[in-house]
Amino acid sequence: MDDIELAKFQQVASGIIDSHAHLIKEFYGADRELIIQRMGQLNVRQIINPAVDLKSSAELLELTQQHSNIFIGVGLHPHQASEWDERAGEFMRAHMTQAKVVAVGECGLDFFYNNSPAEKQILAFQEQLKIARQFDKPVIIHCRDAWEEMLAILAKDGNGMRGVLHCFTGDEKIVERLQCLSGFDAYISFSGIVTFTKATAVQAAAKAVDKNKLLVETDCPFLAPQAVRGQRNEPAYVWYVAEKLAQLRGETLAEIASSCSVNAKRLFSLPV
């Protein structure tokens, strides 16, 4: 980022929250602390760092102890859904009362890759919804090529619950259906995908989301925004996502950053 961009982002009073990042050593190695420092310099105030498997939870918890502005989710990604068993449920329940664990997830359905059988994914997701309900935690949801199944599960099992459809790749119609769910309080988060030139359906969806349900994320180290495409993604780049949303929705960068930050704090019960 050049000096003009740095100044622009640093001057936004609210700062911004990266609602979904994967700051683990596997992806960042010895650079991780530098990435976290840069995040602070670029006015990224807090991040949510969800687990994708249970064995990574220890590393994520250690990171939260080192940095007051990093919070985590504990869950099992649909790619690893075949690992779900009674012990996995016990493990998750044992971690839900820790202060820095603010969500269940990342969990959900991914019928594009099908790294785990569909029936295993559905079972693991439904069981994690039960844990979220038990501990009154939001759910961080991954959904790819499984919208009908996802909507049916949320309509049936999500009553009285809340969560975020992260890295949203649906269209306007999916946004409308999510926002019309009678019992599930659905937030929708956009990643660098919304900045891609050909992502017209996702861009149209971004215009349709209720202002009070909108989040931004990087999903780093993946999906670097168009301005830095090809590079390893990092939390500081969440500003590029916010800029694109501001452009699409006819709002200022400061308005997007403020509303998305307020929404993230509400959803995840983050400290002010």
C-alpha atoms as a PDB file:
ATOM      1  CA  MET A   1       0.000   0.000   0.000  1.00  0.00           C
ATOM      2  CA  ASP A   2       1.268   3.480  -0.794  1.00  0.00           C
ATOM      3  CA  ASP A   3       1.322   6.435   1.616  1.00  0.00           C
ATOM      4  CA  ILE A   4      -1.992   7.802   0.333  1.00  0.00           C
ATOM      5  CA  GLU A   5      -3.769   4.496   1.004  1.00  0.00           C
ATOM      6  CA  LEU A   6      -2.124   4.151   4.393  1.00  0.00           C
ATOM      7  CA  ALA A   7      -3.304   7.596   5.462  1.00  0.00           C
ATOM      8  CA  LYS A   8      -6.819   6.983   4.133  1.00  0.00           C
ATOM      9  CA  PHE A   9      -7.279   3.787   6.103  1.00  0.00           C
ATOM     10  CA  GLN A  10      -5.591   5.049   9.251  1.00  0.00           C
ATOM     11  CA  GLN A  11      -7.928   8.047   9.394  1.00  0.00           C
ATOM     12  CA  VAL A  12     -11.160   6.035   9.499  1.00  0.00           C
ATOM     13  CA  ALA A  13     -12.328   6.650  13.051  1.00  0.00           C
ATOM     14  CA  SER A  14     -14.020   3.300  13.610  1.00  0.00           C
ATOM     15  CA  GLY A  15     -11.189   1.217  12.227  1.00  0.00           C
ATOM     16  CA  ILE A  16     -12.375  -2.066  10.783  1.00  0.00           C
ATOM     17  CA  ILE A  17     -12.795  -5.716  11.801  1.00  0.00           C
ATOM     18  CA  ASP A  18     -11.648  -8.652   9.684  1.00  0.00           C
ATOM     19  CA  SER A  19     -14.432 -11.094  10.505  1.00  0.00           C
ATOM     20  CA  HIS A  20     -12.701 -14.166   9.064  1.00  0.00           C
ATOM     21  CA  ALA A  21      -8.962 -14.858   8.816  1.00  0.00           C
ATOM     22  CA  HIS A  22      -6.697 -17.886   9.143  1.00  0.00           C
ATOM     23  CA  LEU A  23      -3.577 -16.630  10.893  1.00  0.00           C
ATOM     24  CA  ILE A  24      -1.837 -19.934  11.474  1.00  0.00           C
ATOM     25  CA  LYS A  25       1.797 -20.874  11.232  1.00  0.00           C
ATOM     26  CA  GLU A  26       1.115 -23.246   8.353  1.00  0.00           C
ATOM     27  CA  PHE A  27       0.348 -20.241   6.151  1.00  0.00           C
ATOM     28  CA  TYR A  28       2.483 -17.471   7.658  1.00  0.00           C
ATOM     29  CA  GLY A  29       5.366 -19.138   9.493  1.00  0.00           C
ATOM     30  CA  ALA A  30       7.803 -16.659  10.996  1.00  0.00           C
ATOM     31  CA  ASP A  31       5.993 -13.773   9.256  1.00  0.00           C
ATOM     32  CA  ARG A  32       2.869 -14.068  11.374  1.00  0.00           C
ATOM     33  CA  GLU A  33       3.851 -11.479  13.992  1.00  0.00           C
ATOM     34  CA  LEU A  34       4.800  -9.020  11.250  1.00  0.00           C
ATOM     35  CA  ILE A  35       1.409  -9.558   9.630  1.00  0.00           C
ATOM     36  CA  ILE A  36      -0.312  -8.874  12.965  1.00  0.00           C
ATOM     37  CA  GLN A  37       1.769  -5.711  13.460  1.00  0.00           C
ATOM     38  CA  ARG A  38       0.842  -4.504   9.982  1.00  0.00           C
ATOM     39  CA  MET A  39      -2.795  -5.190  10.737  1.00  0.00           C
ATOM     40  CA  GLY A  40      -2.575  -2.802  13.686  1.00  0.00           C
ATOM     41  CA  GLN A  41      -0.750  -0.162  11.674  1.00  0.00           C
ATOM     42  CA  LEU A  42      -3.511  -0.306   9.066  1.00  0.00           C
ATOM     43  CA  ASN A  43      -6.286   0.272  11.602  1.00  0.00           C
ATOM     44  CA  VAL A  44      -7.649  -3.281  11.585  1.00  0.00           C
ATOM     45  CA  ARG A  45      -8.862  -3.343  15.174  1.00  0.00           C
ATOM     46  CA  GLN A  46      -9.929  -6.966  15.702  1.00  0.00           C
ATOM     47  CA  ILE A  47     -10.062 -10.256  13.822  1.00  0.00           C
ATOM     48  CA  ILE A  48     -11.970 -13.506  14.112  1.00  0.00           C
ATOM     49  CA  ASN A  49      -9.664 -16.458  13.500  1.00  0.00           C
ATOM     50  CA  PRO A  50     -11.824 -19.598  13.144  1.00  0.00           C
ATOM     51  CA  ALA A  51     -10.535 -23.144  13.286  1.00  0.00           C
ATOM     52  CA  VAL A  52     -11.111 -25.553  10.417  1.00  0.00           C
ATOM     53  CA  ASP A  53     -10.173 -28.635  12.426  1.00  0.00           C
ATOM     54  CA  LEU A  54      -9.947 -29.444  16.113  1.00  0.00           C
ATOM     55  CA  LYS A  55      -6.197 -29.991  16.310  1.00  0.00           C
ATOM     56  CA  SER A  56      -5.491 -26.381  15.337  1.00  0.00           C
ATOM     57  CA  SER A  57      -7.512 -25.017  18.266  1.00  0.00           C
ATOM     58  CA  ALA A  58      -4.553 -25.135  20.668  1.00  0.00           C
ATOM     59  CA  GLU A  59      -2.467 -22.941  18.362  1.00  0.00           C
ATOM     60  CA  LEU A  60      -5.341 -20.504  17.905  1.00  0.00           C
ATOM     61  CA  LEU A  61      -6.004 -20.271  21.635  1.00  0.00           C
ATOM     62  CA  GLU A  62      -2.322 -19.566  22.273  1.00  0.00           C
ATOM     63  CA  LEU A  63      -2.471 -16.749  19.740  1.00  0.00           C
ATOM     64  CA  THR A  64      -5.453 -15.186  21.544  1.00  0.00           C
ATOM     65  CA  GLN A  65      -3.441 -15.138  24.760  1.00  0.00           C
ATOM     66  CA  GLN A  66      -0.682 -13.200  23.014  1.00  0.00           C
ATOM     67  CA  HIS A  67      -2.978 -10.659  21.319  1.00  0.00           C
ATOM     68  CA  SER A  68      -5.996  -9.078  22.984  1.00  0.00           C
ATOM     69  CA  ASN A  69      -7.644  -8.219  19.644  1.00  0.00           C
ATOM     70  CA  ILE A  70      -7.706 -11.757  18.209  1.00  0.00           C
ATOM     71  CA  PHE A  71     -10.725 -14.006  18.847  1.00  0.00           C
ATOM     72  CA  ILE A  72     -11.445 -17.488  17.565  1.00  0.00           C
ATOM     73  CA  GLY A  73     -14.100 -19.947  16.557  1.00  0.00           C
ATOM     74  CA  VAL A  74     -13.809 -23.659  17.315  1.00  0.00           C
ATOM     75  CA  GLY A  75     -15.307 -26.032  14.797  1.00  0.00           C
ATOM     76  CA  LEU A  76     -14.907 -28.626  12.096  1.00  0.00           C
ATOM     77  CA  HIS A  77     -14.877 -27.528   8.443  1.00  0.00           C
ATOM     78  CA  PRO A  78     -17.009 -29.557   6.019  1.00  0.00           C
ATOM     79  CA  HIS A  79     -13.813 -30.811   4.363  1.00  0.00           C
ATOM     80  CA  GLN A  80     -13.000 -32.553   7.660  1.00  0.00           C
ATOM     81  CA  ALA A  81     -16.558 -33.589   8.487  1.00  0.00           C
ATOM     82  CA  SER A  82     -15.649 -37.280   8.286  1.00  0.00           C
ATOM     83  CA  GLU A  83     -13.693 -36.748  11.523  1.00  0.00           C
ATOM     84  CA  TRP A  84     -16.871 -35.923  13.440  1.00  0.00           C
ATOM     85  CA  ASP A  85     -17.624 -38.256  16.336  1.00  0.00           C
ATOM     86  CA  GLU A  86     -18.682 -38.071  19.968  1.00  0.00           C
ATOM     87  CA  ARG A  87     -15.181 -37.077  21.075  1.00  0.00           C
ATOM     88  CA  ALA A  88     -15.213 -34.144  18.645  1.00  0.00           C
ATOM     89  CA  GLY A  89     -18.405 -32.904  20.226  1.00  0.00           C
ATOM     90  CA  GLU A  90     -16.962 -33.272  23.713  1.00  0.00           C
ATOM     91  CA  PHE A  91     -13.838 -31.387  22.649  1.00  0.00           C
ATOM     92  CA  MET A  92     -15.867 -28.494  21.291  1.00  0.00           C
ATOM     93  CA  ARG A  93     -18.113 -28.260  24.341  1.00  0.00           C
ATOM     94  CA  ALA A  94     -15.057 -28.168  26.601  1.00  0.00           C
ATOM     95  CA  HIS A  95     -13.792 -25.080  24.756  1.00  0.00           C
ATOM     96  CA  MET A  96     -17.010 -23.095  24.437  1.00  0.00           C
ATOM     97  CA  THR A  97     -16.746 -21.372  27.825  1.00  0.00           C
ATOM     98  CA  GLN A  98     -13.312 -19.878  27.153  1.00  0.00           C
ATOM     99  CA  ALA A  99     -13.535 -16.110  26.897  1.00  0.00           C
ATOM    100  CA  LYS A 100     -11.802 -15.722  23.540  1.00  0.00           C
ATOM    101  CA  VAL A 101     -13.927 -18.424  21.850  1.00  0.00           C
ATOM    102  CA  VAL A 102     -16.680 -16.308  20.324  1.00  0.00           C
ATOM    103  CA  ALA A 103     -18.206 -18.682  17.765  1.00  0.00           C
ATOM    104  CA  VAL A 104     -18.756 -22.228  16.583  1.00  0.00           C
ATOM    105  CA  GLY A 105     -17.033 -22.820  13.288  1.00  0.00           C
ATOM    106  CA  GLU A 106     -15.937 -22.759  10.653  1.00  0.00           C
ATOM    107  CA  CYS A 107     -18.515 -25.396   9.795  1.00  0.00           C
ATOM    108  CA  GLY A 108     -21.086 -26.000   7.094  1.00  0.00           C
ATOM    109  CA  LEU A 109     -21.489 -27.706   3.724  1.00  0.00           C
ATOM    110  CA  ASP A 110     -19.215 -27.899   0.688  1.00  0.00           C
ATOM    111  CA  PHE A 111     -20.617 -30.016  -2.140  1.00  0.00           C
ATOM    112  CA  PHE A 112     -18.153 -28.578  -4.666  1.00  0.00           C
ATOM    113  CA  TYR A 113     -15.136 -30.492  -3.373  1.00  0.00           C
ATOM    114  CA  ASN A 114     -16.980 -33.212  -1.404  1.00  0.00           C
ATOM    115  CA  ASN A 115     -13.840 -33.972   0.610  1.00  0.00           C
ATOM    116  CA  SER A 116     -16.223 -35.593   3.071  1.00  0.00           C
ATOM    117  CA  PRO A 117     -19.433 -37.390   2.043  1.00  0.00           C
ATOM    118  CA  ALA A 118     -22.525 -35.190   1.978  1.00  0.00           C
ATOM    119  CA  GLU A 119     -24.249 -37.162   4.737  1.00  0.00           C
ATOM    120  CA  LYS A 120     -21.198 -36.735   7.010  1.00  0.00           C
ATOM    121  CA  GLN A 121     -21.134 -32.993   6.305  1.00  0.00           C
ATOM    122  CA  ILE A 122     -24.819 -32.633   7.145  1.00  0.00           C
ATOM    123  CA  LEU A 123     -24.423 -34.616  10.384  1.00  0.00           C
ATOM    124  CA  ALA A 124     -21.361 -32.642  11.517  1.00  0.00           C
ATOM    125  CA  PHE A 125     -23.050 -29.337  10.715  1.00  0.00           C
ATOM    126  CA  GLN A 126     -26.261 -30.212  12.543  1.00  0.00           C
ATOM    127  CA  GLU A 127     -24.320 -31.378  15.604  1.00  0.00           C
ATOM    128  CA  GLN A 128     -22.308 -28.157  15.660  1.00  0.00           C
ATOM    129  CA  LEU A 129     -25.522 -26.156  15.445  1.00  0.00           C
ATOM    130  CA  LYS A 130     -26.656 -27.972  18.596  1.00  0.00           C
ATOM    131  CA  ILE A 131     -23.468 -26.907  20.371  1.00  0.00           C
ATOM    132  CA  ALA A 132     -23.913 -23.321  19.234  1.00  0.00           C
ATOM    133  CA  ARG A 133     -27.458 -23.365  20.585  1.00  0.00           C
ATOM    134  CA  GLN A 134     -26.363 -24.907  23.888  1.00  0.00           C
ATOM    135  CA  PHE A 135     -23.749 -22.192  24.493  1.00  0.00           C
ATOM    136  CA  ASP A 136     -25.565 -19.325  22.759  1.00  0.00           C
ATOM    137  CA  LYS A 137     -22.742 -18.808  20.253  1.00  0.00           C
ATOM    138  CA  PRO A 138     -23.001 -17.582  16.669  1.00  0.00           C
ATOM    139  CA  VAL A 139     -22.123 -20.008  13.886  1.00  0.00           C
ATOM    140  CA  ILE A 140     -19.510 -19.275  11.216  1.00  0.00           C
ATOM    141  CA  ILE A 141     -20.879 -21.015   8.128  1.00  0.00           C
ATOM    142  CA  HIS A 142     -19.067 -22.189   5.006  1.00  0.00           C
ATOM    143  CA  CYS A 143     -21.420 -22.941   2.120  1.00  0.00           C
ATOM    144  CA  ARG A 144     -20.411 -23.882  -1.408  1.00  0.00           C
ATOM    145  CA  ASP A 145     -22.715 -25.489  -3.980  1.00  0.00           C
ATOM    146  CA  ALA A 146     -25.108 -26.494  -1.198  1.00  0.00           C
ATOM    147  CA  TRP A 147     -27.509 -23.577  -0.834  1.00  0.00           C
ATOM    148  CA  GLU A 148     -30.741 -25.557  -0.944  1.00  0.00           C
ATOM    149  CA  GLU A 149     -29.510 -28.006   1.685  1.00  0.00           C
ATOM    150  CA  MET A 150     -28.108 -25.183   3.821  1.00  0.00           C
ATOM    151  CA  LEU A 151     -31.299 -23.140   3.723  1.00  0.00           C
ATOM    152  CA  ALA A 152     -33.362 -26.206   4.632  1.00  0.00           C
ATOM    153  CA  ILE A 153     -31.149 -26.996   7.639  1.00  0.00           C
ATOM    154  CA  LEU A 154     -31.182 -23.411   8.901  1.00  0.00           C
ATOM    155  CA  ALA A 155     -34.963 -23.239   8.533  1.00  0.00           C
ATOM    156  CA  LYS A 156     -35.366 -26.485  10.468  1.00  0.00           C
ATOM    157  CA  ASP A 157     -32.573 -26.384  13.051  1.00  0.00           C
ATOM    158  CA  GLY A 158     -31.549 -22.726  13.259  1.00  0.00           C
ATOM    159  CA  ASN A 159     -34.573 -21.236  14.972  1.00  0.00           C
ATOM    160  CA  GLY A 160     -33.543 -18.671  17.580  1.00  0.00           C
ATOM    161  CA  MET A 161     -29.919 -18.763  16.472  1.00  0.00           C
ATOM    162  CA  ARG A 162     -27.554 -16.393  14.679  1.00  0.00           C
ATOM    163  CA  GLY A 163     -24.554 -16.754  12.410  1.00  0.00           C
ATOM    164  CA  VAL A 164     -22.653 -15.533   9.393  1.00  0.00           C
ATOM    165  CA  LEU A 165     -22.474 -16.937   5.893  1.00  0.00           C
ATOM    166  CA  HIS A 166     -18.783 -16.243   5.406  1.00  0.00           C
ATOM    167  CA  CYS A 167     -17.041 -15.623   2.069  1.00  0.00           C
ATOM    168  CA  PHE A 168     -20.455 -15.285   0.460  1.00  0.00           C
ATOM    169  CA  THR A 169     -20.678 -16.588  -3.104  1.00  0.00           C
ATOM    170  CA  GLY A 170     -24.445 -16.662  -3.570  1.00  0.00           C
ATOM    171  CA  ASP A 171     -26.606 -14.280  -5.572  1.00  0.00           C
ATOM    172  CA  GLU A 172     -29.341 -11.746  -4.754  1.00  0.00           C
ATOM    173  CA  LYS A 173     -31.988 -14.442  -4.487  1.00  0.00           C
ATOM    174  CA  ILE A 174     -29.976 -16.332  -1.876  1.00  0.00           C
ATOM    175  CA  VAL A 175     -29.524 -13.091   0.086  1.00  0.00           C
ATOM    176  CA  GLU A 176     -33.278 -12.548   0.050  1.00  0.00           C
ATOM    177  CA  ARG A 177     -33.989 -16.092   1.199  1.00  0.00           C
ATOM    178  CA  LEU A 178     -31.445 -15.861   4.010  1.00  0.00           C
ATOM    179  CA  GLN A 179     -32.842 -12.557   5.190  1.00  0.00           C
ATOM    180  CA  CYS A 180     -36.359 -13.979   5.106  1.00  0.00           C
ATOM    181  CA  LEU A 181     -35.581 -16.933   7.365  1.00  0.00           C
ATOM    182  CA  SER A 182     -38.036 -16.533  10.213  1.00  0.00           C
ATOM    183  CA  GLY A 183     -35.890 -17.971  12.995  1.00  0.00           C
ATOM    184  CA  PHE A 184     -32.236 -17.727  11.989  1.00  0.00           C
ATOM    185  CA  ASP A 185     -30.526 -14.319  12.239  1.00  0.00           C
ATOM    186  CA  ALA A 186     -28.294 -14.388   9.145  1.00  0.00           C
ATOM    187  CA  TYR A 187     -25.325 -12.072   8.686  1.00  0.00           C
ATOM    188  CA  ILE A 188     -23.495 -12.094   5.344  1.00  0.00           C
ATOM    189  CA  SER A 189     -19.763 -11.507   4.915  1.00  0.00           C
ATOM    190  CA  PHE A 190     -17.890 -10.611   1.746  1.00  0.00           C
ATOM    191  CA  SER A 191     -14.282 -11.440   0.930  1.00  0.00           C
ATOM    192  CA  GLY A 192     -11.890 -10.419  -1.830  1.00  0.00           C
ATOM    193  CA  ILE A 193     -14.121 -12.269  -4.296  1.00  0.00           C
ATOM    194  CA  VAL A 194     -16.441  -9.244  -4.387  1.00  0.00           C
ATOM    195  CA  THR A 195     -13.576  -7.198  -5.901  1.00  0.00           C
ATOM    196  CA  PHE A 196     -12.997  -9.598  -8.801  1.00  0.00           C
ATOM    197  CA  THR A 197     -13.977  -8.225 -12.204  1.00  0.00           C
ATOM    198  CA  LYS A 198     -16.131 -11.184 -13.189  1.00  0.00           C
ATOM    199  CA  ALA A 199     -17.868 -11.616  -9.818  1.00  0.00           C
ATOM    200  CA  THR A 200     -20.977  -9.763 -10.976  1.00  0.00           C
ATOM    201  CA  ALA A 201     -23.482 -11.995  -9.162  1.00  0.00           C
ATOM    202  CA  VAL A 202     -21.638 -11.589  -5.854  1.00  0.00           C
ATOM    203  CA  GLN A 203     -21.415  -7.839  -6.426  1.00  0.00           C
ATOM    204  CA  ALA A 204     -25.152  -7.652  -7.029  1.00  0.00           C
ATOM    205  CA  ALA A 205     -25.709  -9.652  -3.846  1.00  0.00           C
ATOM    206  CA  ALA A 206     -23.533  -7.196  -1.895  1.00  0.00           C
ATOM    207  CA  LYS A 207     -25.940  -4.406  -2.785  1.00  0.00           C
ATOM    208  CA  ALA A 208     -28.905  -6.367  -1.463  1.00  0.00           C
ATOM    209  CA  VAL A 209     -27.680  -7.166   2.055  1.00  0.00           C
ATOM    210  CA  ASP A 210     -29.292  -5.248   4.910  1.00  0.00           C
ATOM    211  CA  LYS A 211     -26.834  -2.682   6.281  1.00  0.00           C
ATOM    212  CA  ASN A 212     -27.191  -4.134   9.772  1.00  0.00           C
ATOM    213  CA  LYS A 213     -26.200  -7.642   8.590  1.00  0.00           C
ATOM    214  CA  LEU A 214     -23.131  -6.837   6.482  1.00  0.00           C
ATOM    215  CA  LEU A 215     -19.601  -7.997   7.370  1.00  0.00           C
ATOM    216  CA  VAL A 216     -16.204  -7.870   5.671  1.00  0.00           C
ATOM    217  CA  GLU A 217     -13.411 -10.422   5.761  1.00  0.00           C
ATOM    218  CA  THR A 218     -10.237 -11.538   4.060  1.00  0.00           C
ATOM    219  CA  ASP A 219     -10.396 -15.334   4.499  1.00  0.00           C
ATOM    220  CA  CYS A 220      -6.635 -14.906   4.384  1.00  0.00           C
ATOM    221  CA  PRO A 221      -4.246 -16.246   3.229  1.00  0.00           C
ATOM    222  CA  PHE A 222      -6.660 -17.011   0.393  1.00  0.00           C
ATOM    223  CA  LEU A 223      -8.610 -14.797  -2.019  1.00  0.00           C
ATOM    224  CA  ALA A 224      -6.477 -11.657  -2.081  1.00  0.00           C
ATOM    225  CA  PRO A 225      -8.524  -8.717  -3.429  1.00  0.00           C
ATOM    226  CA  GLN A 226      -8.108  -7.600  -7.025  1.00  0.00           C
ATOM    227  CA  ALA A 227      -5.686  -4.776  -6.119  1.00  0.00           C
ATOM    228  CA  VAL A 228      -3.227  -7.290  -4.647  1.00  0.00           C
ATOM    229  CA  ARG A 229      -4.327 -10.431  -6.471  1.00  0.00           C
ATOM    230  CA  GLY A 230      -1.646 -13.089  -6.655  1.00  0.00           C
ATOM    231  CA  GLN A 231      -0.180 -12.080  -3.320  1.00  0.00           C
ATOM    232  CA  ARG A 232      -0.632 -13.855  -0.018  1.00  0.00           C
ATOM    233  CA  ASN A 233      -3.686 -12.293   1.571  1.00  0.00           C
ATOM    234  CA  GLU A 234      -3.598 -10.748   5.071  1.00  0.00           C
ATOM    235  CA  PRO A 235      -5.951  -8.862   7.419  1.00  0.00           C
ATOM    236  CA  ALA A 236      -4.711  -5.412   6.318  1.00  0.00           C
ATOM    237  CA  TYR A 237      -6.173  -6.093   2.878  1.00  0.00           C
ATOM    238  CA  VAL A 238      -9.713  -6.186   4.275  1.00  0.00           C
ATOM    239  CA  TRP A 239      -9.780  -2.464   3.467  1.00  0.00           C
ATOM    240  CA  TYR A 240      -9.868  -3.270  -0.248  1.00  0.00           C
ATOM    241  CA  VAL A 241     -13.023  -5.322   0.326  1.00  0.00           C
ATOM    242  CA  ALA A 242     -14.579  -2.461   2.271  1.00  0.00           C
ATOM    243  CA  GLU A 243     -13.689  -0.013  -0.509  1.00  0.00           C
ATOM    244  CA  LYS A 244     -15.428  -2.184  -3.090  1.00  0.00           C
ATOM    245  CA  LEU A 245     -18.526  -2.519  -0.933  1.00  0.00           C
ATOM    246  CA  ALA A 246     -18.611   1.248  -0.472  1.00  0.00           C
ATOM    247  CA  GLN A 247     -18.451   1.714  -4.232  1.00  0.00           C
ATOM    248  CA  LEU A 248     -21.153  -0.872  -4.915  1.00  0.00           C
ATOM    249  CA  ARG A 249     -23.530   0.387  -2.243  1.00  0.00           C
ATOM    250  CA  GLY A 250     -23.026   4.110  -2.776  1.00  0.00           C
ATOM    251  CA  GLU A 251     -21.644   4.655   0.710  1.00  0.00           C
ATOM    252  CA  THR A 252     -18.397   6.139   1.998  1.00  0.00           C
ATOM    253  CA  LEU A 253     -15.538   3.965   3.165  1.00  0.00           C
ATOM    254  CA  ALA A 254     -16.031   5.315   6.688  1.00  0.00           C
ATOM    255  CA  GLU A 255     -19.713   4.344   6.642  1.00  0.00           C
ATOM    256  CA  ILE A 256     -18.971   0.792   5.500  1.00  0.00           C
ATOM    257  CA  ALA A 257     -16.144   0.349   8.009  1.00  0.00           C
ATOM    258  CA  SER A 258     -18.292   1.647  10.853  1.00  0.00           C
ATOM    259  CA  SER A 259     -21.401  -0.397  10.099  1.00  0.00           C
ATOM    260  CA  CYS A 260     -19.460  -3.611   9.424  1.00  0.00           C
ATOM    261  CA  SER A 261     -17.516  -3.163  12.666  1.00  0.00           C
ATOM    262  CA  VAL A 262     -20.678  -2.529  14.686  1.00  0.00           C
ATOM    263  CA  ASN A 263     -22.264  -5.602  13.115  1.00  0.00           C
ATOM    264  CA  ALA A 264     -19.248  -7.811  13.893  1.00  0.00           C
ATOM    265  CA  LYS A 265     -19.195  -6.654  17.510  1.00  0.00           C
ATOM    266  CA  ARG A 266     -22.896  -7.397  17.841  1.00  0.00           C
ATOM    267  CA  LEU A 267     -22.719 -10.813  16.210  1.00  0.00           C
ATOM    268  CA  PHE A 268     -19.650 -12.053  18.087  1.00  0.00           C
ATOM    269  CA  SER A 269     -20.231 -10.121  21.344  1.00  0.00           C
ATOM    270  CA  LEU A 270     -16.814  -8.497  21.013  1.00  0.00           C
ATOM    271  CA  PRO A 271     -15.516  -5.937  23.516  1.00  0.00           C
ATOM    272  CA  VAL A 272     -15.893  -2.310  22.446  1.00  0.00           C
END
